[in-house]
Amino acid sequence: MVAIRKKLVIVGDGACGKTCLLIVFSKDQFPAVYMLTMFENYVADVEVDGKHVELVLWDTAGQEDYDRLRPLSYPDTDVILMCFSIDSPDSLENIPEKWTPEVKHFCPNVPVILVGNKKDLRNDEHTRQELAKVKQEPVKPEEGWTQTPGINLLSSWDYRLV
């Protein structure tokens, strides 16, 4: 039986939880330490409506040093996961400033799912104190929708990594 194969590319600022999300999804385990990613691929087999689907998950580097290489990940993409971190309002600000223009340029007709990672830190006291020092607070659920004008947004997730 031939599997349906779909390519999913995940983008977002460095350290916003992209790699952890993919590892948890594809391997059902949470990495113990932070791993800087350049470009990694994972495969997850899922069943959708009784059909076998092979998801090829492309993890990309969010750091500016990789801005010129990241576009090599985009050809033949079926869906984009655009990520920010709940404990980093700056990562959400980069959705319309950096990630939306890049995705619209390289993948103009590809559906996008907005993902807020690290939901467990929204009510974490240490996180709140650190953000308060710079007059910030964790991202609220409704704020994600306001940062995504003009993209083909399929859905918005508030994802908790445990």
Foldseek 3Di string as FASTA:
>chain_A
DDAAEAEEEEEFAAPQCQVQVVCCQAVVDGDPDDDQDAKDWGWHWDADPNGIYIYIYIYHYRDPVCPVPVLVRQPRHQEYEYEGEQLDVVRLLCVQVPVVVVCCVSPVPHEYEYEYEALVCQPPPVSQVVQVVVPHHGDDQVVNVVSDPPHNYPYYYHDYDD
